[in-house]
N, C-alpha and C. Protein backbone atom coordinates (compact mmCIF):
# COMPACT_ATOMS: atom_id res chain seq x y z
N MET A 1 -1.69 20.53 12.64
CA MET A 1 -0.76 20.55 11.11
C MET A 1 -2.01 19.85 10.34
N GLY A 2 -2.19 20.05 9.66
CA GLY A 2 -3.15 19.32 8.74
C GLY A 2 -2.18 18.40 7.51
N PRO A 3 -2.76 17.37 6.68
CA PRO A 3 -2.24 16.60 6.17
C PRO A 3 -1.20 17.22 4.90
N LEU A 4 0.08 16.29 4.91
CA LEU A 4 0.61 17.26 4.17
C LEU A 4 0.14 16.73 2.32
N SER A 5 1.13 17.70 1.78
CA SER A 5 0.74 17.49 0.14
C SER A 5 1.85 16.74 -0.18
N PRO A 6 1.56 15.63 -1.02
CA PRO A 6 2.58 15.14 -1.43
C PRO A 6 4.10 15.52 -2.27
N THR A 7 3.86 16.81 -2.72
CA THR A 7 5.11 17.16 -2.94
C THR A 7 5.01 18.67 -2.12
N PRO A 8 6.16 19.42 -1.97
CA PRO A 8 6.00 20.64 -1.18
C PRO A 8 5.91 21.34 -2.21
N ASP A 9 5.59 22.70 -1.86
CA ASP A 9 5.54 23.95 -3.39
C ASP A 9 7.03 24.28 -3.19
N PRO A 10 7.51 25.00 -3.87
CA PRO A 10 8.75 25.51 -4.14
C PRO A 10 9.50 26.26 -3.30
N ALA A 11 9.11 27.32 -2.67
CA ALA A 11 9.32 27.40 -1.15
C ALA A 11 9.22 26.61 0.21
N GLY A 12 8.63 25.61 -0.03
CA GLY A 12 8.82 24.41 0.99
C GLY A 12 10.15 23.24 0.43
N LEU A 13 9.92 22.97 -0.44
CA LEU A 13 11.30 22.52 -1.36
C LEU A 13 12.64 23.08 -0.81
N SER A 14 12.54 24.51 -0.88
CA SER A 14 13.63 25.24 -0.86
C SER A 14 14.26 25.17 0.52
N CYS A 15 13.03 25.39 1.32
CA CYS A 15 13.44 25.61 2.95
C CYS A 15 14.26 24.13 3.32
N LEU A 16 13.23 22.79 2.50
CA LEU A 16 14.16 21.52 3.12
C LEU A 16 15.52 21.49 2.62
N VAL A 17 15.49 22.13 1.39
CA VAL A 17 17.10 21.83 0.91
C VAL A 17 17.96 22.26 1.73
N ARG A 18 17.95 23.85 2.46
CA ARG A 18 18.88 24.95 2.99
C ARG A 18 18.87 23.52 4.52
N VAL A 19 17.76 23.07 5.21
CA VAL A 19 17.89 22.41 6.51
C VAL A 19 18.80 21.53 6.37
N ALA A 20 18.69 20.52 5.03
CA ALA A 20 19.41 19.40 4.72
C ALA A 20 21.02 19.79 4.55
N LEU A 21 21.20 21.01 3.85
CA LEU A 21 22.97 21.33 3.94
C LEU A 21 23.59 22.22 4.98
N GLY A 22 22.04 22.11 6.10
CA GLY A 22 22.66 23.15 7.33
C GLY A 22 22.84 24.29 7.43
N SER A 23 22.09 25.20 6.24
CA SER A 23 22.14 26.54 6.20
C SER A 23 21.33 27.23 6.50
N ALA A 24 20.15 25.92 7.09
CA ALA A 24 18.66 26.63 7.61
C ALA A 24 18.38 25.78 9.06
N PRO A 25 18.07 26.46 9.71
CA PRO A 25 17.70 25.73 11.12
C PRO A 25 16.26 25.19 10.91
N ALA A 26 16.49 23.54 11.76
CA ALA A 26 15.69 22.89 11.55
C ALA A 26 14.51 22.95 12.50
N ASP A 27 12.81 22.69 12.53
CA ASP A 27 12.49 22.86 13.20
C ASP A 27 12.53 21.92 14.06
N THR A 28 12.78 20.99 14.29
CA THR A 28 12.94 19.90 15.28
C THR A 28 14.27 18.86 14.99
N ILE A 29 14.90 18.84 15.88
CA ILE A 29 16.15 17.73 15.81
C ILE A 29 15.96 16.60 16.61
N ILE A 30 15.76 15.59 16.09
CA ILE A 30 15.78 14.13 17.12
C ILE A 30 17.38 13.84 17.37
N ARG A 31 18.10 13.64 18.41
CA ARG A 31 19.55 13.44 18.37
C ARG A 31 19.86 11.74 19.23
N GLY A 32 21.04 11.38 18.89
CA GLY A 32 21.09 10.32 19.75
C GLY A 32 20.47 9.05 19.48
N ALA A 33 19.65 9.11 18.82
CA ALA A 33 18.37 7.73 18.39
C ALA A 33 19.44 6.49 17.39
N ARG A 34 19.35 5.33 18.14
CA ARG A 34 19.81 4.49 16.77
C ARG A 34 19.12 4.32 15.58
N LEU A 35 19.32 4.51 14.14
CA LEU A 35 18.45 4.84 13.28
C LEU A 35 18.34 3.58 11.92
N VAL A 36 17.21 3.08 12.44
CA VAL A 36 17.00 1.72 11.36
C VAL A 36 16.22 1.88 9.79
N ASN A 37 17.55 1.40 9.21
CA ASN A 37 17.38 1.80 7.53
C ASN A 37 16.56 0.68 7.02
N VAL A 38 15.59 0.74 6.60
CA VAL A 38 14.37 -0.06 6.29
C VAL A 38 15.01 -0.50 4.89
N PHE A 39 15.49 0.41 3.97
CA PHE A 39 16.27 -0.59 2.44
C PHE A 39 17.11 -1.13 3.02
N ASN A 40 18.21 -1.09 3.87
CA ASN A 40 19.47 -2.06 3.78
C ASN A 40 19.18 -2.85 5.30
N GLU A 41 18.16 -2.73 5.55
CA GLU A 41 18.02 -3.51 7.22
C GLU A 41 19.01 -3.67 7.95
N GLN A 42 19.92 -2.16 7.85
CA GLN A 42 20.99 -1.77 9.26
C GLN A 42 20.26 -1.41 10.17
N VAL A 43 21.02 -1.52 11.21
CA VAL A 43 20.72 -0.22 12.53
C VAL A 43 21.82 0.40 12.46
N GLU A 44 22.00 1.41 12.16
CA GLU A 44 22.89 2.55 12.07
C GLU A 44 23.42 3.22 13.54
N GLU A 45 24.75 3.77 13.64
CA GLU A 45 24.88 4.19 14.76
C GLU A 45 24.30 5.58 14.99
N PRO A 46 23.88 5.85 16.40
CA PRO A 46 23.52 6.80 16.84
C PRO A 46 23.81 8.36 15.77
N GLY A 47 22.67 9.16 15.37
CA GLY A 47 22.92 9.76 14.61
C GLY A 47 21.99 11.09 14.97
N ALA A 48 21.34 11.91 14.02
CA ALA A 48 19.94 12.63 14.15
C ALA A 48 19.40 12.88 12.87
N VAL A 49 18.18 13.48 13.47
CA VAL A 49 16.93 13.53 11.97
C VAL A 49 16.47 14.89 12.13
N ALA A 50 16.89 15.75 11.30
CA ALA A 50 16.55 17.17 11.40
C ALA A 50 15.06 17.78 10.69
N LEU A 51 14.22 17.77 11.16
CA LEU A 51 12.86 18.05 10.56
C LEU A 51 12.50 19.13 10.52
N ALA A 52 12.03 19.77 9.15
CA ALA A 52 11.21 20.86 8.82
C ALA A 52 10.00 20.89 8.22
N LEU A 53 9.20 21.84 8.45
CA LEU A 53 7.65 21.75 7.91
C LEU A 53 7.00 20.54 7.91
N GLY A 54 7.13 19.51 9.10
CA GLY A 54 6.47 18.40 8.73
C GLY A 54 7.58 17.30 8.21
N ARG A 55 7.99 17.61 7.65
CA ARG A 55 8.86 16.55 6.98
C ARG A 55 10.04 16.17 7.25
N VAL A 56 11.14 15.23 7.38
CA VAL A 56 12.15 14.22 7.64
C VAL A 56 12.97 15.29 6.19
N ALA A 57 13.63 16.45 7.02
CA ALA A 57 14.70 17.16 5.89
C ALA A 57 16.10 16.45 5.80
N SER A 58 16.35 16.03 6.58
CA SER A 58 17.96 15.48 6.77
C SER A 58 17.88 14.15 7.78
N LEU A 59 19.09 13.22 7.70
CA LEU A 59 19.57 12.71 8.78
C LEU A 59 21.13 12.09 8.58
N GLY A 60 21.58 11.82 9.89
CA GLY A 60 23.31 11.72 9.68
C GLY A 60 23.33 12.15 10.97
N PRO A 61 24.95 12.90 11.02
CA PRO A 61 25.73 13.44 11.75
C PRO A 61 25.19 14.62 11.63
N GLU A 62 24.96 15.37 13.16
CA GLU A 62 24.20 16.72 13.05
C GLU A 62 24.71 17.83 12.69
N LEU A 63 24.36 18.33 12.07
CA LEU A 63 24.65 19.51 11.17
C LEU A 63 24.86 20.76 12.26
N PRO A 64 25.82 21.80 12.60
CA PRO A 64 25.91 22.90 13.06
C PRO A 64 24.55 23.76 13.02
N GLY A 65 24.55 23.94 11.79
CA GLY A 65 23.33 25.04 11.22
C GLY A 65 22.06 24.06 11.62
N TRP A 66 21.73 23.21 12.06
CA TRP A 66 20.37 22.77 12.10
C TRP A 66 19.71 23.21 13.41
N LEU A 67 20.46 23.77 14.71
CA LEU A 67 20.07 24.29 15.51
C LEU A 67 19.70 25.66 15.62
N GLY A 68 18.50 25.91 15.71
CA GLY A 68 18.33 27.27 15.86
C GLY A 68 17.75 27.68 16.82
N GLN A 69 17.58 29.40 17.17
CA GLN A 69 16.78 30.11 18.36
C GLN A 69 15.54 29.03 18.60
N ASP A 70 14.60 28.66 17.49
CA ASP A 70 13.12 27.79 18.24
C ASP A 70 13.61 26.61 17.62
N THR A 71 14.42 26.07 17.67
CA THR A 71 14.41 24.41 17.23
C THR A 71 14.02 23.74 18.22
N ARG A 72 13.15 22.95 18.40
CA ARG A 72 12.92 22.07 19.23
C ARG A 72 13.95 20.69 19.32
N VAL A 73 14.62 20.47 20.37
CA VAL A 73 15.69 19.31 20.25
C VAL A 73 15.15 18.03 21.20
N ILE A 74 15.05 17.02 20.50
CA ILE A 74 14.37 15.75 21.06
C ILE A 74 15.60 15.02 21.65
N GLU A 75 15.87 14.69 22.89
CA GLU A 75 17.24 13.79 22.84
C GLU A 75 16.52 11.97 23.05
N ALA A 76 17.44 11.53 22.39
CA ALA A 76 16.66 10.14 21.97
C ALA A 76 17.61 9.23 22.31
N ARG A 77 18.85 8.94 22.95
CA ARG A 77 19.93 8.19 23.25
C ARG A 77 19.11 7.06 23.88
N GLY A 78 19.47 5.50 23.49
CA GLY A 78 19.00 4.71 24.21
C GLY A 78 17.60 4.16 23.20
N LEU A 79 17.45 4.89 22.44
CA LEU A 79 15.97 4.92 21.52
C LEU A 79 16.44 4.49 19.93
N PHE A 80 15.75 3.70 19.16
CA PHE A 80 15.39 3.38 17.79
C PHE A 80 14.14 4.53 16.91
N LEU A 81 15.05 4.81 15.91
CA LEU A 81 14.07 5.37 15.42
C LEU A 81 14.03 4.91 13.70
N ILE A 82 12.91 4.81 13.05
CA ILE A 82 12.60 4.50 12.07
C ILE A 82 11.85 5.57 11.20
N PRO A 83 13.01 6.55 10.66
CA PRO A 83 12.22 8.05 9.75
C PRO A 83 11.55 7.62 9.06
N GLY A 84 10.38 8.53 8.67
CA GLY A 84 9.71 7.96 7.42
C GLY A 84 8.47 7.07 7.51
N LEU A 85 8.56 6.17 8.64
CA LEU A 85 7.74 4.75 8.60
C LEU A 85 6.60 5.31 8.98
N ILE A 86 5.34 5.10 8.44
CA ILE A 86 4.26 4.95 8.43
C ILE A 86 3.26 3.72 8.77
N ASP A 87 3.12 3.64 10.01
CA ASP A 87 2.46 2.21 10.41
C ASP A 87 0.91 2.34 10.60
N ALA A 88 0.58 1.94 9.62
CA ALA A 88 -0.90 2.21 9.22
C ALA A 88 -1.75 1.04 9.56
N HIS A 89 -0.95 0.09 10.54
CA HIS A 89 -2.07 -1.05 11.56
C HIS A 89 -1.44 -1.19 12.52
N THR A 90 -1.94 -1.31 13.71
CA THR A 90 -1.22 -1.28 15.36
C THR A 90 -2.66 -1.96 15.89
N HIS A 91 -2.11 -2.33 17.06
CA HIS A 91 -2.84 -2.78 18.10
C HIS A 91 -2.91 -2.08 19.33
N LEU A 92 -3.65 -0.83 19.69
CA LEU A 92 -3.31 -0.22 20.87
C LEU A 92 -3.16 -0.77 21.77
N ASP A 93 -4.11 -2.23 21.85
CA ASP A 93 -4.61 -2.44 23.20
C ASP A 93 -3.15 -3.33 23.95
N SER A 94 -2.58 -3.50 22.99
CA SER A 94 -1.05 -4.20 23.20
C SER A 94 -0.06 -3.36 24.18
N ILE A 95 -0.23 -1.93 23.53
CA ILE A 95 0.59 -0.88 24.75
C ILE A 95 0.32 0.10 25.24
N PHE A 96 -1.38 -0.32 25.56
CA PHE A 96 -2.54 0.66 26.22
C PHE A 96 -3.10 0.05 27.46
N GLN A 97 -3.53 0.79 28.15
CA GLN A 97 -4.72 0.19 28.75
C GLN A 97 -5.86 0.83 28.52
N LEU A 98 -7.23 -0.31 27.86
CA LEU A 98 -7.83 0.32 27.23
C LEU A 98 -8.91 1.38 28.23
N GLY A 99 -8.87 0.66 29.48
CA GLY A 99 -9.94 1.70 30.70
C GLY A 99 -11.58 1.54 30.00
N PRO A 100 -11.88 2.61 29.98
CA PRO A 100 -13.18 2.86 29.37
C PRO A 100 -13.32 2.78 27.66
N TYR A 101 -12.46 2.59 27.24
CA TYR A 101 -12.64 2.44 25.67
C TYR A 101 -12.53 0.82 25.23
N GLY A 102 -12.37 -0.11 26.26
CA GLY A 102 -12.38 -1.47 26.13
C GLY A 102 -13.69 -1.92 25.91
N GLY A 103 -14.64 -1.12 26.87
CA GLY A 103 -16.43 -1.53 26.37
C GLY A 103 -16.77 -1.37 25.05
N LEU A 104 -16.46 -0.18 24.69
CA LEU A 104 -16.99 -0.04 23.32
C LEU A 104 -15.95 -0.92 22.58
N ALA A 105 -14.61 -1.63 22.64
CA ALA A 105 -13.71 -1.92 21.55
C ALA A 105 -14.71 -3.80 21.71
N LEU A 106 -15.55 -4.17 22.66
CA LEU A 106 -15.72 -5.41 23.08
C LEU A 106 -17.40 -5.14 23.43
N ALA A 107 -17.49 -3.92 22.25
CA ALA A 107 -19.10 -3.85 22.46
C ALA A 107 -20.47 -4.74 22.42
N ARG A 108 -19.62 -6.26 21.45
CA ARG A 108 -20.85 -7.39 21.66
C ARG A 108 -20.70 -8.14 22.37
N GLY A 109 -19.31 -8.01 23.51
CA GLY A 109 -18.81 -9.18 24.20
C GLY A 109 -17.63 -10.04 23.48
N PRO A 110 -17.39 -10.64 24.43
CA PRO A 110 -16.17 -11.80 23.76
C PRO A 110 -17.20 -12.79 23.38
N PRO A 111 -16.82 -13.22 21.93
CA PRO A 111 -17.45 -14.19 21.32
C PRO A 111 -17.26 -15.50 22.11
N ASP A 112 -18.56 -16.15 22.19
CA ASP A 112 -18.33 -17.29 23.16
C ASP A 112 -18.64 -19.00 22.06
N PRO A 113 -17.35 -19.29 22.05
CA PRO A 113 -17.09 -20.70 21.35
C PRO A 113 -18.27 -21.85 21.15
N ASP A 114 -19.32 -21.69 22.32
CA ASP A 114 -20.59 -22.48 22.63
C ASP A 114 -21.54 -22.07 22.10
N ALA A 115 -21.43 -20.87 21.75
CA ALA A 115 -22.77 -20.30 21.23
C ALA A 115 -23.26 -20.45 20.27
N HIS A 116 -22.73 -21.30 19.22
CA HIS A 116 -23.01 -21.17 17.30
C HIS A 116 -23.95 -20.50 16.82
N LEU A 117 -23.09 -19.53 16.69
CA LEU A 117 -23.79 -17.98 16.07
C LEU A 117 -23.75 -18.45 14.81
N PRO A 118 -24.77 -17.92 13.94
CA PRO A 118 -24.19 -18.20 13.07
C PRO A 118 -22.70 -17.14 12.31
N PRO A 119 -22.24 -17.77 11.10
CA PRO A 119 -20.82 -16.85 10.73
C PRO A 119 -21.17 -15.34 10.46
N HIS A 120 -22.37 -15.02 10.02
CA HIS A 120 -22.64 -13.33 10.16
C HIS A 120 -22.43 -12.66 11.27
N ALA A 121 -22.83 -13.37 12.51
CA ALA A 121 -23.43 -12.29 13.52
C ALA A 121 -22.16 -11.49 14.22
N LEU A 122 -21.08 -11.99 13.93
CA LEU A 122 -19.97 -10.89 14.32
C LEU A 122 -18.96 -10.82 13.08
N PRO A 123 -19.44 -9.65 12.97
CA PRO A 123 -17.95 -8.84 11.38
C PRO A 123 -17.01 -9.72 11.82
N GLY A 124 -16.18 -9.70 10.35
CA GLY A 124 -14.99 -10.83 10.32
C GLY A 124 -14.82 -12.24 10.69
N ALA A 125 -15.77 -12.54 11.32
CA ALA A 125 -15.74 -13.77 12.09
C ALA A 125 -15.65 -14.98 11.11
N ALA A 126 -16.02 -14.79 10.18
CA ALA A 126 -16.15 -16.04 9.01
C ALA A 126 -15.59 -15.34 7.74
N LEU A 127 -14.48 -16.17 6.90
CA LEU A 127 -14.17 -15.42 6.04
C LEU A 127 -14.55 -16.58 4.84
N PRO A 128 -14.96 -16.10 3.72
CA PRO A 128 -15.46 -16.71 2.60
C PRO A 128 -14.59 -18.01 2.23
N GLY A 129 -14.51 -18.96 2.00
CA GLY A 129 -13.84 -20.22 1.64
C GLY A 129 -13.03 -20.71 3.10
N LEU A 130 -13.02 -20.00 4.31
CA LEU A 130 -12.22 -20.39 5.22
C LEU A 130 -13.37 -20.69 6.62
N GLY A 131 -14.30 -20.92 6.41
CA GLY A 131 -15.38 -21.04 7.19
C GLY A 131 -15.17 -20.40 8.38
N ASP A 132 -15.94 -20.67 9.75
CA ASP A 132 -16.11 -20.18 10.95
C ASP A 132 -14.56 -20.25 12.04
N LYS A 133 -14.15 -18.92 12.10
CA LYS A 133 -12.73 -18.98 12.63
C LYS A 133 -12.86 -18.97 14.18
N ARG A 134 -14.06 -18.97 14.73
CA ARG A 134 -14.70 -18.64 16.13
C ARG A 134 -14.19 -20.08 16.90
N ARG A 135 -15.08 -20.83 16.52
CA ARG A 135 -14.53 -22.35 17.07
C ARG A 135 -13.64 -23.05 16.37
N PRO A 136 -12.99 -24.13 17.43
CA PRO A 136 -11.53 -25.08 16.76
C PRO A 136 -12.31 -25.72 15.78
N GLY A 137 -11.84 -25.97 14.40
CA GLY A 137 -12.55 -26.96 13.55
C GLY A 137 -13.46 -26.30 12.98
N GLY A 138 -13.92 -24.64 12.92
CA GLY A 138 -14.93 -24.29 12.85
C GLY A 138 -15.11 -24.38 11.16
N GLY A 139 -16.57 -24.59 10.62
CA GLY A 139 -16.30 -24.35 9.03
C GLY A 139 -17.81 -23.99 8.19
């Protein structure tokens, strides 16, 4: 699936509305997860999320009309879900073993605090006005 347009076309919007109202089946239902509401900072009781056309169509109590013959169902009991969150910043090394990719991530090797490299030797090592952050008290 390619990138989504900011606004669905009229047929897509109609499909999303029908799924939201429970009059058309969802492509996917995620059920049983506790929903994290980023607007009111509350964790909601377990509910369901209906997806259609790669978008969140509805969330809350599961509607019978969401389940169709080709609907994929994901059981997420005991998990948390933040519908619609786009995590644009992550550190994959904190959740995955980098294995063969570790060498690529550290292609220049770890910085040696005793090497006294010029600030421009490692990209992002020195920030204007903040000095060299590779060494304690660097400047």
